[in-house]
């Protein structure tokens, strides 16, 4: 008998999250959880859902990779002319979600978005494998193409043009999400999960518990 989707469920029992055990600063708390996620050898631990929206508020979401963070925000890189890039140009706000199922944890981040400096984008671009650098030139990301062969032909042409010295395309670079709210979610049994949310208040943060 085919199992019912509605019957798929998992009890979360690994850990709990109490306000007294969390850091006063959300970035410090993220540091703690990030270190534990790294130690758990989670596959693509830096994978995160990025949700953007048009200026009319129509949302879209996709998985991208975190490529750096500090007390200023969370950085990812992409084609500025992609679907998400165009949405961010019109509506510079986004949400990020990390889901580390092995730890039964989720982190949600809401904030404003701006481009990183050209120097930051250059430094990261030059650290990428050559194939990825060529790919940034070859792909008109999110735009319609007739056949995969178009991309393959562009790759060959660009490899011939640039050799090993592949510069960063002007339409490609980084974004930094500057958090205004960060929520730490720890799965608990009977769906009575622990949720601690930090909200920015001027130059400080408030910390509160949310109902599951």
Protein backbone atom coordinates (compact mmCIF):
# COMPACT_ATOMS: atom_id res chain seq x y z
CA UNK A 1 0.00 0.00 0.00
CA UNK A 2 1.37 3.39 -0.99
CA UNK A 3 2.24 5.42 2.15
CA UNK A 4 0.32 8.63 2.72
CA UNK A 5 2.29 11.85 2.48
CA UNK A 6 0.25 13.16 5.40
CA UNK A 7 1.56 10.30 7.57
CA UNK A 8 5.22 11.19 7.05
CA UNK A 9 6.53 12.62 10.32
CA UNK A 10 9.57 12.58 12.55
CA UNK A 11 9.89 13.18 16.26
CA UNK A 12 12.67 15.59 17.19
CA UNK A 13 14.44 14.59 20.39
CA UNK A 14 18.12 15.47 20.11
CA UNK A 15 18.39 18.76 22.01
CA UNK A 16 16.59 21.72 23.53
CA UNK A 17 17.16 25.47 23.35
CA UNK A 18 16.67 27.68 26.38
CA UNK A 19 17.01 31.47 26.46
CA UNK A 20 19.54 31.21 29.29
CA UNK A 21 21.80 29.08 27.09
CA UNK A 22 21.79 31.44 24.10
CA UNK A 23 24.22 34.28 23.46
CA UNK A 24 23.14 37.90 23.82
CA UNK A 25 24.29 38.56 20.26
CA UNK A 26 22.78 36.51 17.40
CA UNK A 27 26.06 36.33 15.48
CA UNK A 28 27.72 34.74 18.50
CA UNK A 29 24.84 32.27 18.67
CA UNK A 30 25.21 31.55 14.95
CA UNK A 31 28.95 30.98 15.49
CA UNK A 32 28.12 28.30 18.07
CA UNK A 33 25.61 26.52 15.85
CA UNK A 34 27.82 26.87 12.78
CA UNK A 35 30.74 25.23 14.61
CA UNK A 36 28.52 22.34 15.68
CA UNK A 37 27.13 21.97 12.15
CA UNK A 38 30.67 21.90 10.72
CA UNK A 39 31.72 19.31 13.28
CA UNK A 40 28.73 17.16 12.33
CA UNK A 41 30.08 16.85 8.76
CA UNK A 42 26.77 17.84 7.23
CA UNK A 43 26.78 17.60 3.44
CA UNK A 44 26.89 21.14 2.02
CA UNK A 45 26.49 22.70 5.44
CA UNK A 46 26.55 26.13 3.77
CA UNK A 47 23.49 25.45 1.60
CA UNK A 48 20.70 27.90 2.37
CA UNK A 49 17.36 28.85 0.92
CA UNK A 50 17.32 32.40 -0.42
CA UNK A 51 13.87 33.97 -0.77
CA UNK A 52 13.45 37.21 -2.71
CA UNK A 53 10.43 39.07 -4.01
CA UNK A 54 9.44 41.47 -6.76
CA UNK A 55 8.54 45.05 -5.89
CA UNK A 56 4.90 43.85 -5.99
CA UNK A 57 5.72 41.27 -3.33
CA UNK A 58 5.58 38.13 -5.49
CA UNK A 59 8.10 35.74 -3.89
CA UNK A 60 10.50 33.15 -5.26
CA UNK A 61 13.06 30.94 -3.54
CA UNK A 62 16.07 28.82 -4.42
CA UNK A 63 19.11 27.19 -2.78
CA UNK A 64 22.37 29.15 -2.81
CA UNK A 65 25.64 28.70 -0.93
CA UNK A 66 26.87 30.84 1.94
CA UNK A 67 30.38 32.02 1.14
CA UNK A 68 31.17 34.08 4.21
CA UNK A 69 29.70 35.86 7.20
CA UNK A 70 30.69 38.20 10.00
CA UNK A 71 28.94 40.69 12.27
CA UNK A 72 27.92 42.71 9.20
CA UNK A 73 25.96 39.95 7.49
CA UNK A 74 25.87 36.86 5.30
CA UNK A 75 27.47 36.76 1.83
CA UNK A 76 26.60 34.85 -1.33
CA UNK A 77 27.58 35.33 -4.98
CA UNK A 78 25.59 35.22 -8.19
CA UNK A 79 24.88 36.74 -11.60
CA UNK A 80 23.44 40.23 -11.08
CA UNK A 81 21.25 39.73 -14.18
CA UNK A 82 19.73 36.50 -12.85
CA UNK A 83 16.13 36.25 -11.65
CA UNK A 84 17.18 36.81 -8.04
CA UNK A 85 19.54 39.62 -9.01
CA UNK A 86 16.80 41.50 -10.83
CA UNK A 87 14.42 41.03 -7.91
CA UNK A 88 17.02 42.31 -5.47
CA UNK A 89 17.55 45.38 -7.65
CA UNK A 90 13.82 46.17 -7.35
CA UNK A 91 13.33 45.00 -3.77
CA UNK A 92 16.57 44.83 -1.74
CA UNK A 93 15.27 42.60 1.04
CA UNK A 94 15.59 38.84 1.45
CA UNK A 95 15.19 35.86 3.76
CA UNK A 96 17.70 33.08 4.30
CA UNK A 97 16.98 29.66 5.81
CA UNK A 98 19.50 27.05 6.93
CA UNK A 99 18.06 23.61 7.71
CA UNK A 100 20.49 21.21 9.38
CA UNK A 101 18.33 18.12 9.71
CA UNK A 102 21.14 16.10 11.29
CA UNK A 103 21.01 18.47 14.26
CA UNK A 104 17.24 19.05 14.02
CA UNK A 105 17.93 22.77 13.68
CA UNK A 106 16.88 25.65 11.50
CA UNK A 107 18.10 29.26 11.31
CA UNK A 108 16.01 31.97 9.65
CA UNK A 109 17.47 35.35 8.72
CA UNK A 110 15.52 38.36 7.42
CA UNK A 111 17.24 41.53 6.32
CA UNK A 112 18.19 44.14 3.79
CA UNK A 113 20.54 43.31 0.92
CA UNK A 114 23.28 45.20 -0.85
CA UNK A 115 26.13 44.33 -3.20
CA UNK A 116 29.55 43.62 -1.72
CA UNK A 117 32.48 45.77 -2.80
CA UNK A 118 34.16 45.09 -6.14
CA UNK A 119 37.30 44.14 -4.21
CA UNK A 120 35.43 41.51 -2.19
CA UNK A 121 33.82 40.09 -5.33
CA UNK A 122 37.16 40.05 -7.19
CA UNK A 123 38.93 38.24 -4.36
CA UNK A 124 36.31 35.50 -4.18
CA UNK A 125 36.01 35.15 -7.96
CA UNK A 126 39.75 34.59 -8.33
CA UNK A 127 39.60 31.85 -5.68
CA UNK A 128 37.12 29.82 -7.77
CA UNK A 129 38.14 26.93 -10.04
CA UNK A 130 38.74 27.96 -13.64
CA UNK A 131 35.65 26.08 -14.83
CA UNK A 132 33.42 28.05 -12.47
CA UNK A 133 34.98 31.32 -13.59
CA UNK A 134 34.36 30.45 -17.24
CA UNK A 135 30.82 29.40 -16.36
CA UNK A 136 30.08 32.83 -14.91
CA UNK A 137 30.81 34.32 -18.34
CA UNK A 138 29.18 31.56 -20.39
CA UNK A 139 25.77 31.40 -18.72
CA UNK A 140 23.13 34.14 -19.14
CA UNK A 141 21.65 32.88 -15.88
CA UNK A 142 17.84 32.60 -15.69
CA UNK A 143 17.40 33.64 -19.35
CA UNK A 144 15.88 31.33 -21.98
CA UNK A 145 18.33 29.45 -24.24
CA UNK A 146 17.48 27.20 -27.18
CA UNK A 147 19.81 24.31 -26.35
CA UNK A 148 22.54 23.31 -23.92
CA UNK A 149 24.89 23.35 -26.89
CA UNK A 150 24.80 27.18 -26.73
CA UNK A 151 26.46 27.11 -23.33
CA UNK A 152 28.97 24.45 -24.34
CA UNK A 153 30.02 26.47 -27.39
CA UNK A 154 30.41 29.60 -25.28
CA UNK A 155 32.59 27.71 -22.81
CA UNK A 156 34.94 26.57 -25.61
CA UNK A 157 35.12 30.07 -27.04
CA UNK A 158 35.81 31.67 -23.65
CA UNK A 159 38.46 29.10 -22.74
CA UNK A 160 40.24 29.99 -25.95
CA UNK A 161 39.86 33.72 -25.29
CA UNK A 162 41.00 33.85 -21.67
CA UNK A 163 43.24 30.86 -21.10
CA UNK A 164 44.07 30.63 -17.40
CA UNK A 165 43.52 34.33 -16.62
CA UNK A 166 39.74 34.63 -16.37
CA UNK A 167 38.62 38.03 -15.03
CA UNK A 168 35.41 38.61 -13.08
CA UNK A 169 32.46 39.53 -15.31
CA UNK A 170 30.98 42.95 -14.50
CA UNK A 171 27.56 41.30 -14.15
CA UNK A 172 28.72 38.85 -11.47
CA UNK A 173 29.50 39.42 -7.81
CA UNK A 174 28.49 39.26 -4.19
CA UNK A 175 25.55 40.29 -2.05
CA UNK A 176 25.50 40.72 1.69
CA UNK A 177 22.31 40.15 3.68
CA UNK A 178 22.34 42.46 6.70
CA UNK A 179 20.07 40.86 9.33
CA UNK A 180 17.23 42.68 10.99
CA UNK A 181 15.86 39.48 12.51
CA UNK A 182 17.43 36.05 13.22
CA UNK A 183 15.51 33.05 14.52
CA UNK A 184 17.05 29.88 15.96
CA UNK A 185 14.78 26.85 15.85
CA UNK A 186 15.47 23.60 17.69
CA UNK A 187 13.19 20.67 16.97
CA UNK A 188 11.39 19.17 19.98
CA UNK A 189 8.97 16.30 20.46
CA UNK A 190 5.24 16.63 19.75
CA UNK A 191 6.01 19.61 17.50
CA UNK A 192 6.56 21.80 20.59
CA UNK A 193 9.74 23.23 19.12
CA UNK A 194 12.02 25.81 20.74
CA UNK A 195 12.19 29.13 18.88
CA UNK A 196 14.39 32.02 19.99
CA UNK A 197 14.21 35.16 17.86
CA UNK A 198 16.58 38.12 17.87
CA UNK A 199 15.30 41.46 16.52
CA UNK A 200 17.53 44.44 15.79
CA UNK A 201 16.70 47.56 17.80
CA UNK A 202 18.88 50.48 16.73
CA UNK A 203 22.43 49.29 17.58
CA UNK A 204 21.33 46.45 19.85
CA UNK A 205 19.33 43.22 19.74
CA UNK A 206 16.29 42.02 21.67
CA UNK A 207 15.82 38.31 22.35
CA UNK A 208 12.46 36.59 22.79
CA UNK A 209 10.85 33.14 22.73
CA UNK A 210 8.20 32.42 20.13
CA UNK A 211 5.45 29.84 20.45
CA UNK A 212 6.13 26.75 18.31
